[in-house]
Amino acid sequence: MQTHTADIVRATGLKRAFNSGQGTVEVLKGINLSVPAGKLVVLKGRSGSGKTTLINLLGALDRPTEGKIEFAGKDLTAMSDGERDAVRRSEIGLIFQSFALFPLMSAYENVEFVLRVSGSPKEKRREAALQALEQVGLKPRMHHRPFELSGGEQQRTAIARAIAHKPRMLLADEPTAELDSKTGLHIIRLFRDLVEHNGLSIVMTTHDPAIMEIVDYIYELEDGQIVESL
C-alpha cells in the first residue's frame, strides 16, 4: 500500500461480501488503499471489479464485512450509523453517474435544498449555494431546471450541490459516463481546479483512458483487488 504523510483516507484489509441466492459473493477481497489529502485519485477497472462498492465504503454509505477505514484520522468502521451520517453530511461530497437532480427545482434550488436538509443555517444557505454555483461556472444558469440544462450543466449542478457544504473529500462514481468525451474532459478539468484551488481531495471511478493523463494517482481494480497503483 502506498502511504503518504497526509492521507485523508486509509483503508486496510477491506473486504465486502454480499449474500445472494447462489451463496456469498465476495466483491472486495482485502483492499489496502490510501488517498493523499488535496489530490485527484482515480479508481479504474472493468465493470464488476468492485469500484462502486469501494466508493460506497469510502463515503460511509455502506459498511465493510472486514477491515478498517480511517477518514481524517477517525475510524469510520467503529462509528454508529448516526455518527457516520454526520461525517458524510459535513465532510464528504457525493456525485453520481445519473446526476440525481430534482426535476422540478432550478439549479439553485437543487443546491440550496441539500444545504437545508443538512441543517445549514438559513442565513448561510443562499451565500453557500451561490458560491458553489459560481465555482462550477453555472451561476448565469442557476434559475434553469434540469431539463433546460445540457448534460454537462446538469453534472456541474450536481458538483455544486456536492461542494456547497465545503466537504474535505469528494467522491464521484463514473461522473463522466453519461457525457460526451469533450464535456467529460471539462468536468475532470473542473475537478482538477477544485483540487488545486480549494484543496479538495477527490476520488472518482472511470473507464475513460483520456482522463488518466491529468490525475495524481491511479488504483486499478480487478476482481475485487488492487492489481496496480500509479
C-alpha atoms as a PDB file:
ATOM      1  CA  MET A   1       0.000   0.000   0.000  1.00  0.00           C
ATOM      2  CA  GLN A   2       1.232   3.476  -0.837  1.00  0.00           C
ATOM      3  CA  THR A   3       1.466   5.649   2.278  1.00  0.00           C
ATOM      4  CA  HIS A   4       1.590   9.411   2.450  1.00  0.00           C
ATOM      5  CA  THR A   5       2.300  11.814   5.279  1.00  0.00           C
ATOM      6  CA  ALA A   6      -1.118  13.458   4.962  1.00  0.00           C
ATOM      7  CA  ASP A   7      -3.764  10.954   3.932  1.00  0.00           C
ATOM      8  CA  ILE A   8      -7.424  11.930   4.039  1.00  0.00           C
ATOM      9  CA  VAL A   9      -8.432   8.247   3.830  1.00  0.00           C
ATOM     10  CA  ARG A  10      -6.722   4.962   4.619  1.00  0.00           C
ATOM     11  CA  ALA A  11      -8.355   1.614   4.035  1.00  0.00           C
ATOM     12  CA  THR A  12      -6.789  -1.533   5.455  1.00  0.00           C
ATOM     13  CA  GLY A  13      -7.775  -5.142   4.762  1.00  0.00           C
ATOM     14  CA  LEU A  14     -11.094  -4.049   3.284  1.00  0.00           C
ATOM     15  CA  LYS A  15     -13.495  -6.849   2.358  1.00  0.00           C
ATOM     16  CA  ARG A  16     -17.137  -6.691   1.314  1.00  0.00           C
ATOM     17  CA  ALA A  17     -19.287  -9.742   0.739  1.00  0.00           C
ATOM     18  CA  PHE A  18     -22.972  -9.957  -0.198  1.00  0.00           C
ATOM     19  CA  ASN A  19     -25.377 -12.825   0.240  1.00  0.00           C
ATOM     20  CA  SER A  20     -27.221 -13.946  -2.870  1.00  0.00           C
ATOM     21  CA  GLY A  21     -29.316 -16.863  -4.000  1.00  0.00           C
ATOM     22  CA  GLN A  22     -26.100 -18.530  -5.157  1.00  0.00           C
ATOM     23  CA  GLY A  23     -24.414 -18.085  -1.759  1.00  0.00           C
ATOM     24  CA  THR A  24     -21.916 -15.461  -0.622  1.00  0.00           C
ATOM     25  CA  VAL A  25     -20.350 -13.213  -3.254  1.00  0.00           C
ATOM     26  CA  GLU A  26     -17.085 -11.576  -2.228  1.00  0.00           C
ATOM     27  CA  VAL A  27     -16.865  -8.248  -4.097  1.00  0.00           C
ATOM     28  CA  LEU A  28     -13.819  -6.749  -2.348  1.00  0.00           C
ATOM     29  CA  LYS A  29     -11.033  -9.085  -1.268  1.00  0.00           C
ATOM     30  CA  GLY A  30      -8.638  -7.297   1.053  1.00  0.00           C
ATOM     31  CA  ILE A  31      -8.205  -3.759  -0.283  1.00  0.00           C
ATOM     32  CA  ASN A  32      -5.342  -1.639   1.080  1.00  0.00           C
ATOM     33  CA  LEU A  33      -5.517   1.938  -0.171  1.00  0.00           C
ATOM     34  CA  SER A  34      -4.519   5.450   0.846  1.00  0.00           C
ATOM     35  CA  VAL A  35      -5.819   8.733  -0.551  1.00  0.00           C
ATOM     36  CA  PRO A  36      -3.482  11.706  -0.106  1.00  0.00           C
ATOM     37  CA  ALA A  37      -5.122  14.935   1.011  1.00  0.00           C
ATOM     38  CA  GLY A  38      -5.564  17.502  -1.740  1.00  0.00           C
ATOM     39  CA  LYS A  39      -5.096  15.081  -4.648  1.00  0.00           C
ATOM     40  CA  LEU A  40      -7.186  13.716  -7.523  1.00  0.00           C
ATOM     41  CA  VAL A  41      -7.312   9.916  -7.350  1.00  0.00           C
ATOM     42  CA  VAL A  42      -8.865   7.547  -9.884  1.00  0.00           C
ATOM     43  CA  LEU A  43     -10.170   4.036  -9.339  1.00  0.00           C
ATOM     44  CA  LYS A  44     -10.148   2.247 -12.690  1.00  0.00           C
ATOM     45  CA  GLY A  45     -11.205  -1.205 -13.734  1.00  0.00           C
ATOM     46  CA  ARG A  46     -13.768  -3.143 -15.700  1.00  0.00           C
ATOM     47  CA  SER A  47     -17.416  -3.273 -14.734  1.00  0.00           C
ATOM     48  CA  GLY A  48     -17.765  -5.641 -11.783  1.00  0.00           C
ATOM     49  CA  SER A  49     -14.236  -5.055 -10.495  1.00  0.00           C
ATOM     50  CA  GLY A  50     -15.518  -3.541  -7.229  1.00  0.00           C
ATOM     51  CA  LYS A  51     -15.063   0.204  -7.894  1.00  0.00           C
ATOM     52  CA  THR A  52     -18.569   1.318  -6.926  1.00  0.00           C
ATOM     53  CA  THR A  53     -18.592  -0.896  -3.832  1.00  0.00           C
ATOM     54  CA  LEU A  54     -15.295   0.664  -2.748  1.00  0.00           C
ATOM     55  CA  ILE A  55     -16.615   4.214  -3.342  1.00  0.00           C
ATOM     56  CA  ASN A  56     -19.692   3.413  -1.238  1.00  0.00           C
ATOM     57  CA  LEU A  57     -17.492   2.185   1.612  1.00  0.00           C
ATOM     58  CA  LEU A  58     -15.178   5.215   1.489  1.00  0.00           C
ATOM     59  CA  GLY A  59     -18.218   7.500   1.510  1.00  0.00           C
ATOM     60  CA  ALA A  60     -19.731   5.827   4.592  1.00  0.00           C
ATOM     61  CA  LEU A  61     -22.748   4.691   2.562  1.00  0.00           C
ATOM     62  CA  ASP A  62     -22.005   1.072   3.404  1.00  0.00           C
ATOM     63  CA  ARG A  63     -20.003  -0.921   5.933  1.00  0.00           C
ATOM     64  CA  PRO A  64     -17.215  -3.400   5.110  1.00  0.00           C
ATOM     65  CA  THR A  65     -17.553  -7.053   6.031  1.00  0.00           C
ATOM     66  CA  GLU A  66     -13.984  -6.880   7.308  1.00  0.00           C
ATOM     67  CA  GLY A  67     -11.290  -4.231   7.521  1.00  0.00           C
ATOM     68  CA  LYS A  68     -10.882  -0.653   8.646  1.00  0.00           C
ATOM     69  CA  ILE A  69     -11.453   2.764   7.059  1.00  0.00           C
ATOM     70  CA  GLU A  70      -9.900   5.856   8.599  1.00  0.00           C
ATOM     71  CA  PHE A  71     -11.178   9.218   7.394  1.00  0.00           C
ATOM     72  CA  ALA A  72      -9.257  12.294   8.558  1.00  0.00           C
ATOM     73  CA  GLY A  73      -7.850  10.217  11.412  1.00  0.00           C
ATOM     74  CA  LYS A  74     -11.268   8.934  12.530  1.00  0.00           C
ATOM     75  CA  ASP A  75     -12.248   5.270  12.348  1.00  0.00           C
ATOM     76  CA  LEU A  76     -15.404   5.186  10.218  1.00  0.00           C
ATOM     77  CA  THR A  77     -15.855   1.474  10.777  1.00  0.00           C
ATOM     78  CA  ALA A  78     -16.116   1.937  14.553  1.00  0.00           C
ATOM     79  CA  MET A  79     -18.808   4.637  14.324  1.00  0.00           C
ATOM     80  CA  SER A  80     -22.537   4.244  14.796  1.00  0.00           C
ATOM     81  CA  ASP A  81     -24.807   4.828  11.797  1.00  0.00           C
ATOM     82  CA  GLY A  82     -25.696   8.265  13.150  1.00  0.00           C
ATOM     83  CA  GLU A  83     -22.054   9.242  13.570  1.00  0.00           C
ATOM     84  CA  ARG A  84     -21.222   8.088  10.046  1.00  0.00           C
ATOM     85  CA  ASP A  85     -24.200  10.042   8.666  1.00  0.00           C
ATOM     86  CA  ALA A  86     -22.946  13.179  10.439  1.00  0.00           C
ATOM     87  CA  VAL A  87     -19.460  12.786   8.937  1.00  0.00           C
ATOM     88  CA  ARG A  88     -20.903  12.255   5.477  1.00  0.00           C
ATOM     89  CA  ARG A  89     -23.195  15.300   5.715  1.00  0.00           C
ATOM     90  CA  SER A  90     -20.448  17.642   6.901  1.00  0.00           C
ATOM     91  CA  GLU A  91     -17.190  16.372   5.412  1.00  0.00           C
ATOM     92  CA  ILE A  92     -17.919  14.257   2.324  1.00  0.00           C
ATOM     93  CA  GLY A  93     -19.488  15.215  -1.013  1.00  0.00           C
ATOM     94  CA  LEU A  94     -21.050  12.591  -3.307  1.00  0.00           C
ATOM     95  CA  ILE A  95     -21.583  12.712  -7.076  1.00  0.00           C
ATOM     96  CA  PHE A  96     -23.397  10.000  -9.012  1.00  0.00           C
ATOM     97  CA  GLN A  97     -23.414   8.970 -12.667  1.00  0.00           C
ATOM     98  CA  SER A  98     -27.124   9.763 -13.055  1.00  0.00           C
ATOM     99  CA  PHE A  99     -26.861  13.374 -11.737  1.00  0.00           C
ATOM    100  CA  ALA A 100     -29.870  12.673  -9.419  1.00  0.00           C
ATOM    101  CA  LEU A 101     -31.258  16.221  -9.625  1.00  0.00           C
ATOM    102  CA  PHE A 102     -34.801  17.159  -8.598  1.00  0.00           C
ATOM    103  CA  PRO A 103     -36.521  17.773 -11.962  1.00  0.00           C
ATOM    104  CA  LEU A 104     -38.942  20.492 -10.791  1.00  0.00           C
ATOM    105  CA  MET A 105     -36.257  22.509  -8.975  1.00  0.00           C
ATOM    106  CA  SER A 106     -33.885  25.009 -10.555  1.00  0.00           C
ATOM    107  CA  ALA A 107     -30.140  24.503 -10.353  1.00  0.00           C
ATOM    108  CA  TYR A 108     -30.028  26.937  -7.433  1.00  0.00           C
ATOM    109  CA  GLU A 109     -32.913  25.208  -5.643  1.00  0.00           C
ATOM    110  CA  ASN A 110     -31.264  21.799  -6.065  1.00  0.00           C
ATOM    111  CA  VAL A 111     -28.115  23.071  -4.343  1.00  0.00           C
ATOM    112  CA  GLU A 112     -29.922  25.074  -1.650  1.00  0.00           C
ATOM    113  CA  PHE A 113     -32.279  22.197  -0.812  1.00  0.00           C
ATOM    114  CA  VAL A 114     -29.427  19.839   0.070  1.00  0.00           C
ATOM    115  CA  LEU A 115     -27.935  22.519   2.331  1.00  0.00           C
ATOM    116  CA  ARG A 116     -31.316  22.873   4.013  1.00  0.00           C
ATOM    117  CA  VAL A 117     -31.621  19.118   4.582  1.00  0.00           C
ATOM    118  CA  SER A 118     -28.098  19.004   6.032  1.00  0.00           C
ATOM    119  CA  GLY A 119     -29.065  21.602   8.646  1.00  0.00           C
ATOM    120  CA  SER A 120     -27.147  24.589   7.285  1.00  0.00           C
ATOM    121  CA  PRO A 121     -28.416  27.864   8.860  1.00  0.00           C
ATOM    122  CA  LYS A 122     -30.893  29.747   6.674  1.00  0.00           C
ATOM    123  CA  GLU A 123     -28.792  32.909   6.561  1.00  0.00           C
ATOM    124  CA  LYS A 124     -25.816  30.978   5.158  1.00  0.00           C
ATOM    125  CA  ARG A 125     -27.567  28.746   2.639  1.00  0.00           C
ATOM    126  CA  ARG A 126     -28.028  31.299  -0.141  1.00  0.00           C
ATOM    127  CA  GLU A 127     -24.430  32.506   0.033  1.00  0.00           C
ATOM    128  CA  ALA A 128     -23.072  28.930   0.046  1.00  0.00           C
ATOM    129  CA  ALA A 129     -25.288  27.842  -2.864  1.00  0.00           C
ATOM    130  CA  LEU A 130     -24.357  30.868  -4.990  1.00  0.00           C
ATOM    131  CA  GLN A 131     -20.678  30.429  -4.242  1.00  0.00           C
ATOM    132  CA  ALA A 132     -20.777  26.764  -5.262  1.00  0.00           C
ATOM    133  CA  LEU A 133     -22.634  27.521  -8.492  1.00  0.00           C
ATOM    134  CA  GLU A 134     -20.142  30.253  -9.306  1.00  0.00           C
ATOM    135  CA  GLN A 135     -17.232  27.881  -8.723  1.00  0.00           C
ATOM    136  CA  VAL A 136     -18.577  25.472 -11.326  1.00  0.00           C
ATOM    137  CA  GLY A 137     -19.375  28.283 -13.783  1.00  0.00           C
ATOM    138  CA  LEU A 138     -23.137  27.834 -13.586  1.00  0.00           C
ATOM    139  CA  LYS A 139     -24.298  30.993 -11.813  1.00  0.00           C
ATOM    140  CA  PRO A 140     -25.729  32.516 -15.044  1.00  0.00           C
ATOM    141  CA  ARG A 141     -27.901  29.394 -15.490  1.00  0.00           C
ATOM    142  CA  MET A 142     -28.897  28.921 -11.870  1.00  0.00           C
ATOM    143  CA  HIS A 143     -32.630  29.552 -12.417  1.00  0.00           C
ATOM    144  CA  HIS A 144     -32.930  26.871 -15.097  1.00  0.00           C
ATOM    145  CA  ARG A 145     -34.402  23.454 -14.333  1.00  0.00           C
ATOM    146  CA  PRO A 146     -32.519  20.272 -15.230  1.00  0.00           C
ATOM    147  CA  PHE A 147     -34.455  19.682 -18.476  1.00  0.00           C
ATOM    148  CA  GLU A 148     -33.334  23.149 -19.619  1.00  0.00           C
ATOM    149  CA  LEU A 149     -29.675  22.327 -18.991  1.00  0.00           C
ATOM    150  CA  SER A 150     -27.215  20.304 -21.059  1.00  0.00           C
ATOM    151  CA  GLY A 151     -25.733  17.082 -19.668  1.00  0.00           C
ATOM    152  CA  GLY A 152     -22.549  18.911 -18.720  1.00  0.00           C
ATOM    153  CA  GLU A 153     -24.520  21.668 -16.990  1.00  0.00           C
ATOM    154  CA  GLN A 154     -26.543  19.084 -15.076  1.00  0.00           C
ATOM    155  CA  GLN A 155     -23.349  17.413 -13.899  1.00  0.00           C
ATOM    156  CA  ARG A 156     -21.912  20.786 -12.866  1.00  0.00           C
ATOM    157  CA  THR A 157     -25.093  21.387 -10.861  1.00  0.00           C
ATOM    158  CA  ALA A 158     -24.535  18.033  -9.160  1.00  0.00           C
ATOM    159  CA  ILE A 159     -20.939  19.040  -8.397  1.00  0.00           C
ATOM    160  CA  ALA A 160     -22.081  22.397  -6.979  1.00  0.00           C
ATOM    161  CA  ARG A 161     -24.536  20.539  -4.759  1.00  0.00           C
ATOM    162  CA  ALA A 162     -21.751  18.208  -3.570  1.00  0.00           C
ATOM    163  CA  ILE A 163     -19.297  21.003  -2.696  1.00  0.00           C
ATOM    164  CA  ALA A 164     -21.713  23.625  -1.294  1.00  0.00           C
ATOM    165  CA  HIS A 165     -21.186  22.454   2.300  1.00  0.00           C
ATOM    166  CA  LYS A 166     -17.403  22.665   1.788  1.00  0.00           C
ATOM    167  CA  PRO A 167     -16.518  18.983   2.287  1.00  0.00           C
ATOM    168  CA  ARG A 168     -12.984  17.737   2.760  1.00  0.00           C
ATOM    169  CA  MET A 169     -13.403  14.900   0.269  1.00  0.00           C
ATOM    170  CA  LEU A 170     -15.423  14.463  -2.910  1.00  0.00           C
ATOM    171  CA  LEU A 171     -16.385  11.004  -4.192  1.00  0.00           C
ATOM    172  CA  ALA A 172     -17.618  10.638  -7.765  1.00  0.00           C
ATOM    173  CA  ASP A 173     -18.849   7.374  -9.277  1.00  0.00           C
ATOM    174  CA  GLU A 174     -18.437   7.433 -13.088  1.00  0.00           C
ATOM    175  CA  PRO A 175     -19.174  11.195 -13.251  1.00  0.00           C
ATOM    176  CA  THR A 176     -18.459  11.407 -16.997  1.00  0.00           C
ATOM    177  CA  ALA A 177     -20.165   8.190 -18.151  1.00  0.00           C
ATOM    178  CA  GLU A 178     -23.292   9.984 -19.433  1.00  0.00           C
ATOM    179  CA  LEU A 179     -21.310  12.750 -21.162  1.00  0.00           C
ATOM    180  CA  ASP A 180     -19.513  13.008 -24.484  1.00  0.00           C
ATOM    181  CA  SER A 181     -15.718  12.924 -24.313  1.00  0.00           C
ATOM    182  CA  LYS A 182     -15.254  16.706 -24.687  1.00  0.00           C
ATOM    183  CA  THR A 183     -17.780  17.545 -21.952  1.00  0.00           C
ATOM    184  CA  GLY A 184     -16.343  14.795 -19.754  1.00  0.00           C
ATOM    185  CA  LEU A 185     -12.896  16.323 -20.047  1.00  0.00           C
ATOM    186  CA  HIS A 186     -14.308  19.711 -18.989  1.00  0.00           C
ATOM    187  CA  ILE A 187     -15.712  18.053 -15.848  1.00  0.00           C
ATOM    188  CA  ILE A 188     -12.341  16.495 -14.991  1.00  0.00           C
ATOM    189  CA  ARG A 189     -10.623  19.839 -15.509  1.00  0.00           C
ATOM    190  CA  LEU A 190     -13.158  21.311 -13.100  1.00  0.00           C
ATOM    191  CA  PHE A 191     -12.179  18.601 -10.598  1.00  0.00           C
ATOM    192  CA  ARG A 192      -8.528  19.495 -11.175  1.00  0.00           C
ATOM    193  CA  ASP A 193      -9.326  23.138 -10.410  1.00  0.00           C
ATOM    194  CA  LEU A 194     -11.191  22.207  -7.210  1.00  0.00           C
ATOM    195  CA  VAL A 195      -8.182  20.183  -6.064  1.00  0.00           C
ATOM    196  CA  GLU A 196      -5.657  22.909  -6.805  1.00  0.00           C
ATOM    197  CA  HIS A 197      -7.623  25.942  -5.590  1.00  0.00           C
ATOM    198  CA  ASN A 198      -9.907  24.509  -2.891  1.00  0.00           C
ATOM    199  CA  GLY A 199      -7.586  21.819  -1.543  1.00  0.00           C
ATOM    200  CA  LEU A 200     -10.286  19.188  -2.063  1.00  0.00           C
ATOM    201  CA  SER A 201      -9.411  15.503  -2.066  1.00  0.00           C
ATOM    202  CA  ILE A 202     -11.270  13.770  -4.909  1.00  0.00           C
ATOM    203  CA  VAL A 203     -11.721  10.062  -5.546  1.00  0.00           C
ATOM    204  CA  MET A 204     -13.501   9.072  -8.729  1.00  0.00           C
ATOM    205  CA  THR A 205     -14.187   5.947 -10.757  1.00  0.00           C
ATOM    206  CA  THR A 206     -13.889   5.977 -14.535  1.00  0.00           C
ATOM    207  CA  HIS A 207     -13.355   3.881 -17.659  1.00  0.00           C
ATOM    208  CA  ASP A 208     -12.070   6.838 -19.698  1.00  0.00           C
ATOM    209  CA  PRO A 209      -8.369   6.440 -20.604  1.00  0.00           C
ATOM    210  CA  ALA A 210      -8.072  10.111 -21.673  1.00  0.00           C
ATOM    211  CA  ILE A 211      -8.657  11.223 -18.089  1.00  0.00           C
ATOM    212  CA  MET A 212      -5.649   9.323 -16.747  1.00  0.00           C
ATOM    213  CA  GLU A 213      -3.267  11.998 -18.036  1.00  0.00           C
ATOM    214  CA  ILE A 214      -4.478  14.694 -15.613  1.00  0.00           C
ATOM    215  CA  VAL A 215      -4.906  12.824 -12.324  1.00  0.00           C
ATOM    216  CA  ASP A 216      -2.431  12.410  -9.468  1.00  0.00           C
ATOM    217  CA  TYR A 217      -2.840   8.743  -8.521  1.00  0.00           C
ATOM    218  CA  ILE A 218      -4.424   5.715 -10.165  1.00  0.00           C
ATOM    219  CA  TYR A 219      -5.534   2.489  -8.496  1.00  0.00           C
ATOM    220  CA  GLU A 220      -6.529  -0.318 -10.852  1.00  0.00           C
ATOM    221  CA  LEU A 221      -9.012  -2.872  -9.543  1.00  0.00           C
ATOM    222  CA  GLU A 222      -9.522  -6.356 -10.891  1.00  0.00           C
ATOM    223  CA  ASP A 223     -11.820  -8.963  -9.367  1.00  0.00           C
ATOM    224  CA  GLY A 224     -12.098  -7.082  -6.067  1.00  0.00           C
ATOM    225  CA  GLN A 225      -8.386  -6.457  -5.601  1.00  0.00           C
ATOM    226  CA  ILE A 226      -5.957  -3.645  -6.386  1.00  0.00           C
ATOM    227  CA  VAL A 227      -3.623  -5.005  -9.012  1.00  0.00           C
ATOM    228  CA  GLU A 228      -1.699  -1.824  -9.788  1.00  0.00           C
ATOM    229  CA  SER A 229      -1.157   1.617  -8.245  1.00  0.00           C
ATOM    230  CA  LEU A 230       0.482   4.521 -10.088  1.00  0.00           C
END
